[in-house]
Amino acid sequence: MNKGLTPATIAMLLVNVLLGSTGQILLRYGTGKLHTLHEQQGFAASLLDSFKGIFTPYVFLGFCVYAVSSVLWIRILRQVNLSFAYPTIAVSYIVVVILSTLIFHEKVSWAMTAGLLLIAVGVVIFGIGYGNIK
C-alpha cells in the first residue's frame, strides 16, 4: 500500500498544507465580517449566529477549500503511511502564522517564532528519519 515518497507525493503534501492553511485564513477573514450577537443572548442564539455564518461567502469558500483538501488527503493516504503524512501537516502551523501576520497584521513574539522554528526543524528531522526506514 505504501509506495513511498515520490516528488508527486511530496507535492501533494505541500499542496494539501497550502489548501488547509488557505481554508483557515478564509474562515478567519469570513468570521471577521460576521455581525456577532451579544453574549447576553445566550448560547443557543450564538450557535445559531455561527451556523448562519457558514453561508457567508468567505466562510463558505473556506469550507470548500477544506473539502478539496480532504479529497486530496484521501489520495495522499493511499500512497503514504499515515504515520508520515499526518506529522507533515504541522507545516501548516508555520504557514498560517506567516499568513496571519501578513494579512491580519497579527503580532508574533520571539517565543512563537522559536516555536515555529522548532516545528520546522522537527518536520525536517522527521522526514529524514522516515527516509532512513528500510
Protein backbone atom coordinates (compact mmCIF):
# COMPACT_ATOMS: atom_id res chain seq x y z
CA MET A 1 0.00 0.00 0.00
CA ASN A 2 2.79 2.45 0.82
CA LYS A 3 4.54 3.39 -2.40
CA GLY A 4 6.97 5.63 -0.58
CA LEU A 5 7.81 9.24 -1.15
CA THR A 6 7.95 10.50 -4.67
CA PRO A 7 8.20 14.07 -5.94
CA ALA A 8 4.47 13.86 -6.78
CA THR A 9 3.60 12.72 -3.26
CA ILE A 10 5.68 15.49 -1.70
CA ALA A 11 3.97 18.00 -3.99
CA MET A 12 0.55 16.68 -2.93
CA LEU A 13 1.51 17.03 0.74
CA LEU A 14 2.65 20.63 0.18
CA VAL A 15 -0.49 21.49 -1.78
CA ASN A 16 -2.57 19.94 0.99
CA VAL A 17 -0.77 22.09 3.58
CA LEU A 18 -1.40 25.20 1.46
CA LEU A 19 -5.07 24.32 0.97
CA GLY A 20 -5.59 23.73 4.69
CA SER A 21 -3.82 26.97 5.56
CA THR A 22 -5.81 28.90 2.98
CA GLY A 23 -9.01 27.41 4.39
CA GLN A 24 -8.06 28.69 7.86
CA ILE A 25 -7.32 32.17 6.54
CA LEU A 26 -10.62 32.29 4.64
CA LEU A 27 -12.53 31.16 7.72
CA ARG A 28 -10.83 33.80 9.86
CA TYR A 29 -11.42 36.51 7.29
CA GLY A 30 -15.04 35.49 6.89
CA THR A 31 -15.73 35.37 10.61
CA GLY A 32 -14.25 38.84 10.93
CA LYS A 33 -17.04 40.02 8.62
CA LEU A 34 -19.84 38.44 10.67
CA HIS A 35 -22.10 40.51 12.86
CA THR A 36 -21.80 38.96 16.28
CA LEU A 37 -24.56 38.64 18.82
CA HIS A 38 -24.04 39.89 22.34
CA GLU A 39 -23.27 37.22 24.90
CA GLN A 40 -26.42 38.14 26.81
CA GLN A 41 -28.46 36.46 24.08
CA GLY A 42 -27.24 33.07 25.21
CA PHE A 43 -25.54 30.02 23.84
CA ALA A 44 -28.35 28.91 21.51
CA ALA A 45 -28.56 32.31 19.79
CA SER A 46 -24.78 32.43 19.47
CA LEU A 47 -24.74 28.93 17.99
CA LEU A 48 -27.46 29.92 15.51
CA ASP A 49 -25.47 33.01 14.57
CA SER A 50 -22.40 30.84 13.95
CA PHE A 51 -24.43 28.42 11.83
CA LYS A 52 -25.70 31.30 9.70
CA GLY A 53 -22.08 32.38 9.25
CA ILE A 54 -21.34 29.16 7.35
CA PHE A 55 -23.26 30.54 4.41
CA THR A 56 -21.38 33.82 4.14
CA PRO A 57 -19.06 33.95 1.11
CA TYR A 58 -15.61 33.72 2.73
CA VAL A 59 -16.60 31.17 5.37
CA PHE A 60 -18.33 29.03 2.75
CA LEU A 61 -15.29 29.31 0.46
CA GLY A 62 -13.07 28.29 3.38
CA PHE A 63 -15.14 25.13 3.86
CA CYS A 64 -14.98 24.44 0.11
CA VAL A 65 -11.19 24.70 0.20
CA TYR A 66 -11.21 22.25 3.12
CA ALA A 67 -13.36 19.88 1.06
CA VAL A 68 -10.81 19.92 -1.76
CA SER A 69 -8.07 19.41 0.82
CA SER A 70 -9.93 16.40 2.23
CA VAL A 71 -10.24 14.78 -1.19
CA LEU A 72 -6.53 15.32 -1.77
CA TRP A 73 -5.83 13.90 1.71
CA ILE A 74 -7.59 10.68 0.76
CA ARG A 75 -5.34 10.42 -2.29
CA ILE A 76 -2.26 11.06 -0.15
CA LEU A 77 -3.22 8.37 2.35
CA ARG A 78 -3.42 5.83 -0.47
CA GLN A 79 0.27 6.46 -1.17
CA VAL A 80 1.92 7.32 2.13
CA ASN A 81 1.75 5.90 5.64
CA LEU A 82 -0.42 7.94 7.99
CA SER A 83 2.47 7.92 10.46
CA PHE A 84 4.41 10.03 7.96
CA ALA A 85 1.66 12.07 6.29
CA TYR A 86 -0.05 13.39 9.40
CA PRO A 87 3.01 14.94 11.08
CA THR A 88 3.82 16.83 7.86
CA ILE A 89 0.59 18.76 8.40
CA ALA A 90 2.48 20.59 11.17
CA VAL A 91 3.96 22.74 8.42
CA SER A 92 0.52 24.34 8.14
CA TYR A 93 1.06 25.90 11.60
CA ILE A 94 4.00 27.80 10.16
CA VAL A 95 2.13 28.84 7.01
CA VAL A 96 -0.92 30.04 8.98
CA VAL A 97 1.19 32.18 11.31
CA ILE A 98 3.04 33.74 8.38
CA LEU A 99 -0.22 34.44 6.51
CA SER A 100 -1.89 35.78 9.67
CA THR A 101 0.99 38.18 10.14
CA LEU A 102 0.87 39.37 6.53
CA ILE A 103 -2.91 39.52 6.07
CA PHE A 104 -4.29 40.31 9.53
CA HIS A 105 -1.21 42.09 10.89
CA GLU A 106 -1.16 39.77 13.90
CA LYS A 107 1.88 40.11 16.13
CA VAL A 108 4.28 37.20 16.59
CA SER A 109 6.50 37.10 19.66
CA TRP A 110 10.05 35.80 19.75
CA ALA A 111 8.80 32.75 21.67
CA MET A 112 6.25 32.00 18.94
CA THR A 113 8.96 32.39 16.31
CA ALA A 114 11.20 30.00 18.23
CA GLY A 115 8.33 27.52 18.44
CA LEU A 116 7.75 27.72 14.70
CA LEU A 117 11.44 27.13 14.07
CA LEU A 118 11.29 24.07 16.32
CA ILE A 119 8.30 22.76 14.35
CA ALA A 120 10.18 23.29 11.08
CA VAL A 121 13.28 21.52 12.39
CA GLY A 122 11.13 18.72 13.78
CA VAL A 123 9.40 18.13 10.46
CA VAL A 124 12.75 18.06 8.65
CA ILE A 125 14.23 15.60 11.16
CA PHE A 126 11.08 13.51 10.96
CA GLY A 127 11.33 13.41 7.17
CA ILE A 128 14.99 12.42 7.30
CA GLY A 129 14.17 9.67 9.77
CA TYR A 130 11.34 8.42 7.60
CA GLY A 131 13.68 8.29 4.63
CA ASN A 132 16.06 6.04 6.58
CA ILE A 133 13.43 3.37 7.28
CA LYS A 134 14.06 0.27 5.19
